[in-house]
Amino acid sequence: MSSANLANKKMNWQVIKNNFSDHNYLVFNVESFNATRDHPRIFFNHRQILKICKAVHQKFLELQEEIQTIDSKQKLEKWIEELTITINQISQSFPRKVIKHLRVPWWDSELEVNRKKTRALRSRYQRCRREEERSMRRIFYKKQEAHYKWLIKQKCRASFELFCQQLVANNAFNLPYKIAAGKIRKQTVLQSVKTRNGQFTNTIEETIQTLVQALFPTDESTQETHVQRKKRETVNSYSSTILDKQFTKQEITYAISTMKKKKAPGIDGISIEIIKELHDMNPDILHYTYNKCL
């Protein structure tokens, strides 16, 4: 479980493979401070994607001989990290497009015209230097400002009344009545659960601890059965000299072609569009990288 705010606090990721499950456990530490990460860009236009891919292609050509000699997990992680840093540095250099969203539903063209008129009268009043003309311009500006503020209140009130009418159209004792009567209660996030002793938990901490103990029981080797002990010994003593087959460029091309576009990327910010364009520009990058992971 994670969120955008919690992702920056997770450190020291590890993958535990020695278990009896079909899945691998992910272990990490939740630190009290945020990591110094810039939020990655998610969407890029075609020109920006080409610029990112050209930078990665140039980086690959510079380190191609070093990549071919990768023979350890540490060297592979170093290359992947350099690749990710290169993509993020280029993406952070692009100007961000600020999308202004309308904050209120009752704003319309009439308010927009009155706002521009009020600002124009204020500007004329502030630029004026003659005392007689300045006092007259101040009067015009204050009248227009008062009308503009009154219009905002009227639009806001009318929008709220329309909202209440829509809510009470089917049930007069719906949300507006509950808000006025103070009958809105916050829903409890975690309910009480029954423990092994037959009692119910009283606090959130007890509930979380009971759920964790039930879902992830302690793996005690002293309480294993004979069958479980045999399985553990088989897993720990397993060894194989059969090497996995190397990936081919055709396999990677087919896998990339099946990926759907416009999907949100992970924390690294590398989207499907970047991967496809990068593979079209230089298929050796992903081909070498995937084969070094074997």
Protein backbone atom coordinates (compact mmCIF):
# COMPACT_ATOMS: atom_id res chain seq x y z
CA MET A 1 0.00 0.00 0.00
CA SER A 2 1.35 3.40 -0.91
CA SER A 3 0.45 6.90 -1.97
CA ALA A 4 2.12 9.81 -3.70
CA ASN A 5 3.14 11.35 -0.35
CA LEU A 6 4.40 8.07 1.13
CA ALA A 7 6.43 6.98 -1.91
CA ASN A 8 9.25 9.45 -1.21
CA LYS A 9 9.71 8.05 2.33
CA LYS A 10 10.33 4.45 1.28
CA MET A 11 14.03 3.53 1.31
CA ASN A 12 16.23 0.44 0.96
CA TRP A 13 14.02 -1.75 -1.19
CA GLN A 14 14.80 -5.47 -1.08
CA VAL A 15 13.26 -8.49 -2.79
CA ILE A 16 13.00 -11.68 -0.68
CA LYS A 17 12.78 -14.76 -2.90
CA ASN A 18 13.28 -17.55 -0.33
CA ASN A 19 9.68 -18.27 0.60
CA PHE A 20 7.00 -20.85 -0.11
CA SER A 21 4.75 -18.42 -1.95
CA ASP A 22 4.43 -17.92 -5.69
CA HIS A 23 5.14 -14.23 -5.11
CA ASN A 24 8.26 -12.44 -3.89
CA TYR A 25 8.10 -10.26 -0.78
CA LEU A 26 9.13 -6.60 -1.07
CA VAL A 27 10.77 -5.25 2.09
CA PHE A 28 11.51 -1.56 2.60
CA ASN A 29 12.04 1.01 5.34
CA VAL A 30 9.71 3.95 5.88
CA GLU A 31 11.87 6.90 6.87
CA SER A 32 10.71 9.98 8.74
CA PHE A 33 12.01 12.34 6.05
CA ASN A 34 11.25 12.68 2.36
CA ALA A 35 13.86 11.72 -0.20
CA THR A 36 15.08 14.53 -2.40
CA ARG A 37 13.24 13.49 -5.54
CA ASP A 38 11.77 15.78 -8.13
CA HIS A 39 8.30 14.83 -9.21
CA PRO A 40 8.69 13.27 -12.66
CA ARG A 41 6.90 14.54 -15.69
CA ILE A 42 4.19 12.21 -16.94
CA PHE A 43 3.12 13.47 -20.37
CA PHE A 44 5.43 14.67 -23.14
CA ASN A 45 4.86 15.75 -26.71
CA HIS A 46 6.60 13.99 -29.59
CA ARG A 47 9.39 16.56 -29.85
CA GLN A 48 10.25 16.18 -26.15
CA ILE A 49 10.19 12.37 -26.40
CA LEU A 50 12.62 12.53 -29.34
CA LYS A 51 14.96 14.76 -27.34
CA ILE A 52 14.91 12.32 -24.39
CA CYS A 53 15.58 9.32 -26.63
CA LYS A 54 18.45 11.06 -28.43
CA ALA A 55 20.10 11.83 -25.07
CA VAL A 56 19.72 8.21 -23.92
CA HIS A 57 21.03 6.97 -27.28
CA GLN A 58 24.11 9.19 -26.95
CA LYS A 59 24.63 7.98 -23.37
CA PHE A 60 24.45 4.37 -24.55
CA LEU A 61 27.04 4.97 -27.28
CA GLU A 62 29.42 6.50 -24.73
CA LEU A 63 29.08 3.55 -22.31
CA GLN A 64 28.53 0.73 -24.79
CA GLU A 65 31.85 -0.99 -24.13
CA GLU A 66 31.33 -0.72 -20.38
CA ILE A 67 27.79 -2.11 -20.67
CA GLN A 68 28.99 -5.17 -22.57
CA THR A 69 31.35 -6.02 -19.69
CA ILE A 70 28.64 -5.96 -16.99
CA ASP A 71 29.04 -9.12 -14.91
CA SER A 72 27.51 -8.24 -11.54
CA LYS A 73 24.30 -6.97 -10.05
CA GLN A 74 25.99 -3.80 -8.77
CA LYS A 75 27.24 -2.82 -12.23
CA LEU A 76 23.84 -3.48 -13.73
CA GLU A 77 22.11 -1.34 -11.10
CA LYS A 78 24.63 1.44 -11.77
CA TRP A 79 23.81 1.41 -15.49
CA ILE A 80 20.04 1.39 -14.84
CA GLU A 81 20.44 4.29 -12.40
CA GLU A 82 22.47 6.31 -14.92
CA LEU A 83 19.84 5.61 -17.56
CA THR A 84 17.02 6.75 -15.27
CA ILE A 85 18.93 9.87 -14.17
CA THR A 86 19.57 10.84 -17.79
CA ILE A 87 15.88 10.57 -18.65
CA ASN A 88 14.79 12.54 -15.57
CA GLN A 89 17.37 15.29 -16.10
CA ILE A 90 16.23 15.87 -19.67
CA SER A 91 12.55 15.75 -18.70
CA GLN A 92 13.05 18.23 -15.85
CA SER A 93 14.63 20.72 -18.26
CA PHE A 94 11.41 21.02 -20.25
CA PRO A 95 9.13 23.94 -19.34
CA ARG A 96 6.08 22.84 -17.42
CA LYS A 97 2.71 23.74 -18.84
CA VAL A 98 0.51 25.25 -16.17
CA ILE A 99 -3.12 24.32 -16.68
CA LYS A 100 -5.47 26.76 -15.00
CA HIS A 101 -8.61 25.04 -13.83
CA LEU A 102 -11.80 26.90 -13.03
CA ARG A 103 -12.10 26.83 -9.25
CA VAL A 104 -15.78 27.82 -8.95
CA PRO A 105 -18.75 26.63 -11.02
CA TRP A 106 -20.60 29.94 -10.87
CA TRP A 107 -17.98 32.02 -12.71
CA ASP A 108 -19.27 33.23 -16.09
CA SER A 109 -18.59 35.76 -18.84
CA GLU A 110 -20.49 38.54 -17.05
CA LEU A 111 -18.16 38.33 -14.05
CA GLU A 112 -15.17 38.19 -16.39
CA VAL A 113 -16.25 41.42 -18.12
CA ASN A 114 -16.87 43.19 -14.81
CA ARG A 115 -13.50 42.09 -13.45
CA LYS A 116 -11.69 43.51 -16.49
CA LYS A 117 -13.69 46.73 -16.24
CA THR A 118 -12.88 47.07 -12.52
CA ARG A 119 -9.17 46.53 -13.12
CA ALA A 120 -9.17 49.05 -15.98
CA LEU A 121 -10.85 51.74 -13.84
CA ARG A 122 -8.43 51.05 -10.98
CA SER A 123 -5.47 51.38 -13.33
CA ARG A 124 -6.77 54.70 -14.71
CA TYR A 125 -7.35 55.99 -11.19
CA GLN A 126 -3.85 55.03 -10.03
CA ARG A 127 -2.16 56.55 -13.09
CA CYS A 128 -4.01 59.85 -12.83
CA ARG A 129 -2.00 62.76 -11.35
CA ARG A 130 -4.41 65.71 -11.47
CA GLU A 131 -6.25 66.04 -8.18
CA GLU A 132 -9.73 66.88 -9.52
CA GLU A 133 -9.70 64.19 -12.18
CA ARG A 134 -8.19 61.69 -9.73
CA SER A 135 -11.07 62.12 -7.26
CA MET A 136 -13.63 61.60 -10.04
CA ARG A 137 -11.86 58.48 -11.30
CA ARG A 138 -11.75 57.15 -7.74
CA ILE A 139 -15.53 57.52 -7.47
CA PHE A 140 -16.08 55.65 -10.76
CA TYR A 141 -13.67 52.93 -9.67
CA LYS A 142 -15.29 52.44 -6.23
CA LYS A 143 -18.79 52.24 -7.75
CA GLN A 144 -17.67 49.63 -10.23
CA GLU A 145 -15.80 47.69 -7.52
CA ALA A 146 -18.90 47.65 -5.30
CA HIS A 147 -21.04 46.42 -8.20
CA TYR A 148 -18.46 43.75 -9.02
CA LYS A 149 -18.38 42.46 -5.42
CA TRP A 150 -22.19 42.48 -5.23
CA LEU A 151 -22.37 40.52 -8.48
CA ILE A 152 -19.97 37.89 -7.12
CA LYS A 153 -22.13 37.39 -4.03
CA GLN A 154 -25.28 37.09 -6.14
CA LYS A 155 -23.76 34.50 -8.48
CA CYS A 156 -22.34 32.51 -5.57
CA ARG A 157 -25.63 32.55 -3.67
CA ALA A 158 -27.65 31.54 -6.74
CA SER A 159 -25.29 28.66 -7.47
CA PHE A 160 -25.53 27.39 -3.89
CA GLU A 161 -29.34 27.59 -3.92
CA LEU A 162 -29.45 25.64 -7.19
CA PHE A 163 -27.15 23.03 -5.68
CA CYS A 164 -29.42 22.65 -2.64
CA GLN A 165 -32.51 22.37 -4.85
CA GLN A 166 -30.92 19.56 -6.83
CA LEU A 167 -30.01 17.71 -3.64
CA VAL A 168 -33.43 17.96 -2.02
CA ALA A 169 -35.34 17.18 -5.24
CA ASN A 170 -35.72 13.52 -4.23
CA ASN A 171 -35.35 13.75 -0.45
CA ALA A 172 -35.86 16.90 1.59
CA PHE A 173 -33.94 15.41 4.53
CA ASN A 174 -30.80 14.69 2.53
CA LEU A 175 -27.36 16.28 2.80
CA PRO A 176 -28.41 19.99 3.34
CA TYR A 177 -30.62 19.02 6.30
CA LYS A 178 -27.90 16.83 7.79
CA ILE A 179 -25.33 19.61 7.44
CA ALA A 180 -27.65 22.16 9.08
CA ALA A 181 -28.55 19.75 11.89
CA GLY A 182 -24.94 18.69 12.46
CA LYS A 183 -25.66 15.01 11.81
CA ILE A 184 -22.71 14.38 9.50
CA ARG A 185 -20.34 11.89 11.11
CA LYS A 186 -16.95 10.84 9.88
CA GLN A 187 -16.82 7.23 8.86
CA THR A 188 -14.45 5.10 10.89
CA VAL A 189 -11.52 3.93 8.81
CA LEU A 190 -10.93 0.65 10.67
CA GLN A 191 -13.64 -1.22 12.55
CA SER A 192 -13.01 -3.43 15.56
CA VAL A 193 -11.97 -7.00 14.81
CA LYS A 194 -12.04 -10.11 16.94
CA THR A 195 -8.70 -11.35 18.29
CA ARG A 196 -7.68 -14.96 18.92
CA ASN A 197 -8.86 -14.63 22.51
CA GLY A 198 -12.40 -13.82 21.35
CA GLN A 199 -12.22 -10.16 22.40
CA PHE A 200 -12.64 -7.13 20.14
CA THR A 201 -9.95 -4.51 19.61
CA ASN A 202 -10.46 -1.04 21.07
CA THR A 203 -7.83 1.05 19.27
CA ILE A 204 -6.58 1.42 15.71
CA GLU A 205 -3.13 0.13 16.77
CA GLU A 206 -4.64 -3.11 18.10
CA THR A 207 -6.72 -3.53 14.94
CA ILE A 208 -3.71 -3.09 12.66
CA GLN A 209 -1.59 -5.46 14.74
CA THR A 210 -4.32 -8.13 14.71
CA LEU A 211 -4.78 -7.84 10.93
CA VAL A 212 -1.04 -8.05 10.28
CA GLN A 213 -0.65 -11.11 12.50
CA ALA A 214 -3.56 -12.86 10.76
CA LEU A 215 -2.49 -12.02 7.20
CA PHE A 216 1.26 -12.45 7.71
CA PRO A 217 1.82 -15.09 10.41
CA THR A 218 5.30 -15.63 11.79
CA ASP A 219 7.28 -18.31 9.95
CA GLU A 220 8.57 -20.39 12.87
CA SER A 221 10.82 -23.28 11.78
CA THR A 222 10.29 -25.04 15.15
CA GLN A 223 6.53 -25.40 14.49
CA GLU A 224 6.85 -26.89 11.01
CA THR A 225 5.45 -30.24 9.99
CA HIS A 226 7.53 -32.90 8.30
CA VAL A 227 6.22 -31.92 4.85
CA GLN A 228 6.95 -28.23 5.40
CA ARG A 229 10.46 -29.04 6.63
CA LYS A 230 11.14 -31.08 3.49
CA LYS A 231 9.93 -28.22 1.29
CA ARG A 232 12.18 -25.73 3.09
CA GLU A 233 15.20 -28.00 2.66
CA THR A 234 14.40 -28.47 -1.03
CA VAL A 235 14.13 -24.73 -1.63
CA ASN A 236 17.32 -23.90 0.27
CA SER A 237 19.36 -26.64 -1.40
CA TYR A 238 18.05 -26.05 -4.93
CA SER A 239 20.65 -25.37 -7.59
CA SER A 240 20.53 -25.49 -11.36
CA THR A 241 23.15 -25.15 -14.05
CA ILE A 242 20.60 -24.57 -16.80
CA LEU A 243 20.87 -20.97 -17.96
CA ASP A 244 17.88 -19.01 -19.17
CA LYS A 245 17.69 -18.33 -22.87
CA GLN A 246 18.72 -14.88 -24.00
CA PHE A 247 16.04 -12.44 -25.08
CA THR A 248 15.83 -11.74 -28.78
CA LYS A 249 15.10 -8.38 -30.35
CA GLN A 250 11.94 -9.81 -31.88
CA GLU A 251 10.61 -10.81 -28.45
CA ILE A 252 11.28 -7.36 -27.02
CA THR A 253 9.71 -5.66 -30.05
CA TYR A 254 6.58 -7.79 -29.74
CA ALA A 255 6.30 -7.16 -25.98
CA ILE A 256 6.59 -3.40 -26.51
CA SER A 257 4.03 -3.44 -29.34
CA THR A 258 1.43 -4.97 -26.99
CA MET A 259 1.80 -2.17 -24.43
CA LYS A 260 -1.10 0.28 -24.36
CA LYS A 261 -0.42 3.97 -24.84
CA LYS A 262 -1.29 6.82 -22.48
CA LYS A 263 -0.86 4.73 -19.35
CA ALA A 264 0.44 6.38 -16.18
CA PRO A 265 4.11 5.48 -15.57
CA GLY A 266 5.70 4.49 -12.29
CA ILE A 267 7.67 6.64 -9.86
CA ASP A 268 10.56 6.93 -12.34
CA GLY A 269 8.29 8.75 -14.82
CA ILE A 270 9.32 6.65 -17.84
CA SER A 271 6.21 6.28 -19.98
CA ILE A 272 5.34 3.70 -22.63
CA GLU A 273 5.78 6.31 -25.37
CA ILE A 274 9.39 6.91 -24.32
CA ILE A 275 10.13 3.17 -24.28
CA LYS A 276 8.64 2.65 -27.75
CA GLU A 277 10.48 5.59 -29.30
CA LEU A 278 13.74 4.58 -27.62
CA HIS A 279 13.44 1.02 -28.91
CA ASP A 280 12.71 2.24 -32.44
CA MET A 281 15.74 4.53 -32.33
CA ASN A 282 18.18 1.98 -30.88
CA PRO A 283 16.97 -1.60 -30.21
CA ASP A 284 20.33 -2.55 -28.65
CA ILE A 285 19.66 -0.52 -25.49
CA LEU A 286 16.82 -2.66 -24.15
CA HIS A 287 18.27 -5.80 -25.73
CA TYR A 288 21.55 -5.50 -23.83
CA THR A 289 19.84 -4.37 -20.62
CA TYR A 290 17.34 -7.25 -20.46
CA ASN A 291 19.96 -9.88 -21.27
CA LYS A 292 22.26 -8.55 -18.55
CA CYS A 293 19.41 -9.08 -16.07
CA LEU A 294 19.50 -12.84 -16.66
